[in-house]
Protein backbone atom coordinates (compact mmCIF):
# COMPACT_ATOMS: atom_id res chain seq x y z
CA MET A 1 0.00 0.00 0.00
CA ASP A 2 3.05 2.27 -0.23
CA ASP A 3 1.59 4.07 -3.25
CA GLN A 4 -1.46 5.01 -1.16
CA ALA A 5 0.38 5.95 2.04
CA GLY A 6 0.15 9.70 1.47
CA THR A 7 -3.60 9.58 0.79
CA VAL A 8 -4.23 7.28 3.75
CA ARG A 9 -2.18 9.53 6.06
CA THR A 10 -3.91 12.73 4.89
CA GLU A 11 -7.43 11.31 5.00
CA SER A 12 -6.81 9.59 8.35
CA ARG A 13 -5.72 12.89 9.90
CA LYS A 14 -8.88 14.59 8.61
CA ALA A 15 -11.10 11.79 9.96
CA VAL A 16 -9.39 11.83 13.37
CA ALA A 17 -9.74 15.64 13.58
CA ARG A 18 -13.49 15.41 12.84
CA LEU A 19 -13.98 12.72 15.50
CA ARG A 20 -12.01 14.65 18.10
CA ARG A 21 -14.06 17.78 17.37
CA VAL A 22 -17.18 16.03 18.73
CA GLY A 23 -15.26 14.62 21.69
CA VAL A 24 -14.45 11.06 20.59
CA ALA A 25 -11.18 9.93 22.16
CA VAL A 26 -8.93 8.75 19.33
CA PRO A 27 -5.51 7.24 20.09
CA ALA A 28 -2.61 9.27 18.70
CA THR A 29 -1.28 6.68 16.26
CA PRO A 30 -3.28 4.79 13.64
CA THR A 31 -1.68 1.46 12.74
CA MET A 32 -2.39 -1.46 10.46
CA ALA A 33 -0.95 -3.91 12.99
CA ASP A 34 -3.30 -6.73 13.99
CA ARG A 35 -2.86 -5.88 17.67
CA PRO A 36 -2.47 -2.16 18.22
CA GLY A 37 -0.24 -1.14 21.10
CA PRO A 38 -0.88 1.49 23.76
CA ASP A 39 -2.09 4.80 22.30
CA GLN A 40 -2.62 3.16 18.90
CA THR A 41 -5.82 2.47 17.02
CA LYS A 42 -6.35 -0.08 14.29
CA LEU A 43 -6.76 1.42 10.86
CA ALA A 44 -9.17 -1.07 9.28
CA ILE A 45 -8.34 -0.59 5.62
CA GLY A 46 -7.02 -2.80 2.89
CA PRO A 47 -5.29 -2.55 -0.49
CA GLY A 48 -7.16 -0.50 -3.04
CA ILE A 49 -8.72 1.78 -0.43
CA SER A 50 -10.00 5.04 -1.85
CA ALA A 51 -9.83 8.37 -0.06
CA ALA A 52 -13.61 8.08 0.46
CA GLY A 53 -13.14 4.77 2.29
CA VAL A 54 -10.59 5.98 4.84
CA PRO A 55 -13.09 7.55 7.30
CA THR A 56 -14.90 4.20 7.62
CA GLY A 57 -11.56 2.45 8.16
CA VAL A 58 -10.70 4.89 10.96
CA ALA A 59 -14.17 4.46 12.48
CA ALA A 60 -14.05 0.66 12.35
CA GLY A 61 -10.84 0.69 14.38
CA LEU A 62 -12.61 2.58 17.17
CA LEU A 63 -15.40 0.05 17.66
CA PRO A 64 -14.88 -2.00 20.83
CA GLN A 65 -13.92 -5.64 20.45
CA SER A 66 -16.73 -7.91 21.57
CA PRO A 67 -16.12 -9.23 25.10
CA ALA A 68 -15.00 -12.82 25.69
CA CYS A 69 -18.46 -13.83 26.91
CA ALA A 70 -19.93 -12.88 23.51
CA ASP A 71 -17.19 -14.76 21.68
CA ASN A 72 -18.11 -17.82 23.77
CA GLY A 73 -21.68 -17.69 22.52
CA GLU A 74 -23.21 -16.21 25.65
CA ARG A 75 -26.05 -13.70 25.49
CA TYR A 76 -24.75 -10.37 24.18
CA PRO A 77 -27.45 -7.70 24.01
CA ALA A 78 -25.09 -5.00 22.74
CA ALA A 79 -24.52 -6.80 19.43
CA ASP A 80 -27.34 -4.60 18.07
CA ALA A 81 -25.25 -1.49 18.69
CA TYR A 82 -22.43 -2.25 16.22
CA GLY A 83 -24.30 -1.15 13.10
CA PRO A 84 -25.63 2.19 14.31
CA VAL A 85 -22.53 3.10 16.37
CA GLY A 86 -20.22 2.16 13.49
CA ALA A 87 -22.35 4.17 11.07
CA TRP A 88 -22.33 7.19 13.40
CA LEU A 89 -18.54 6.98 13.79
CA SER A 90 -18.10 6.70 10.01
CA LEU A 91 -20.39 9.62 9.24
CA THR A 92 -18.77 11.73 11.96
CA ALA A 93 -15.34 10.88 10.53
CA GLY A 94 -16.45 12.17 7.13
CA ALA A 95 -17.87 9.17 5.28
CA SER A 96 -20.81 9.86 3.00
CA PRO A 97 -24.03 7.95 3.71
CA ARG A 98 -23.71 6.42 0.22
CA THR A 99 -20.47 4.65 1.19
CA LEU A 100 -22.30 2.96 4.08
CA THR A 101 -25.33 1.60 2.22
CA ASN A 102 -23.72 -1.81 1.66
CA ARG A 103 -22.23 -1.96 5.15
CA VAL A 104 -25.17 -1.27 7.47
CA ALA A 105 -28.90 -1.89 7.35
CA PRO A 106 -31.04 1.10 6.33
CA PRO A 107 -32.62 1.47 9.82
CA GLU A 108 -29.13 1.52 11.40
CA LEU A 109 -27.96 4.21 8.97
CA ALA A 110 -31.16 6.21 9.58
CA LEU A 111 -30.60 6.02 13.35
CA ALA A 112 -26.99 7.21 12.96
CA GLN A 113 -28.15 10.11 10.79
CA HIS A 114 -30.78 11.01 13.41
CA VAL A 115 -28.12 11.02 16.14
CA LEU A 116 -25.97 13.35 14.01
CA LYS A 117 -28.75 15.96 14.14
CA GLN A 118 -28.52 16.14 17.94
CA SER A 119 -26.28 18.43 19.99
CA ARG A 120 -22.60 17.56 20.24
CA GLN A 121 -23.12 16.62 23.92
CA ALA A 122 -26.10 14.37 23.13
CA GLN A 123 -24.14 12.63 20.36
CA LEU A 124 -21.14 12.02 22.59
CA ALA A 125 -23.32 10.74 25.44
CA TRP A 126 -25.09 8.36 23.02
CA TYR A 127 -21.75 7.09 21.68
CA GLU A 128 -20.22 6.60 25.14
CA ARG A 129 -23.33 4.93 26.58
CA ASN A 130 -23.49 2.42 23.73
CA THR A 131 -19.76 1.66 23.48
CA ARG A 132 -19.80 1.00 27.23
CA ALA A 133 -22.59 -1.54 26.64
CA MET A 134 -20.60 -3.08 23.76
CA ARG A 135 -17.77 -3.92 26.16
CA SER A 136 -20.09 -5.90 28.46
CA CYS A 137 -22.37 -8.89 28.20
CA ASP A 138 -24.86 -7.68 30.77
CA VAL A 139 -25.58 -4.10 29.69
CA ARG A 140 -28.27 -3.40 27.13
CA PRO A 141 -27.46 -0.72 24.56
CA GLN A 142 -29.62 2.41 24.63
CA LEU A 143 -29.84 3.24 20.97
CA GLY A 144 -32.66 5.75 21.23
CA ILE A 145 -31.28 9.28 21.45
CA ASP A 146 -33.26 9.83 24.64
CA GLY A 147 -31.34 7.01 26.35
CA ARG A 148 -33.96 4.30 25.96
CA HIS A 149 -33.46 1.01 24.12
CA GLY A 150 -34.50 0.95 20.51
């Protein structure tokens, strides 16, 4: 991907700046390593990435890993949060809704777009509440902007 390094670097910086503007904590160093180190975030992109695809790659690296209990097949209510939270992160990072149509279900994209219309504080609270749920097997996500489920 050496021939794309400049584009990836430039577009990654733009995406990170947009995310930080709304208050999302983004580690200082994006990396393509399988296991990012301290203060690194996975840049989830592959060969042939276009500039338009970089924001989604940055966003994907910020989604929490599912907890061990979910990987073991236990009940995991926060699984429903990945689509809308990922879509919100991508849109916030600068992705166009069109680039997400094949990645998330229409209702998840619509929810993310609805969240984007809220105040910066409401968006950040929604993001933090749901990513906290995504790290646990016993916390239900609250995907409604008012803090309720659904």
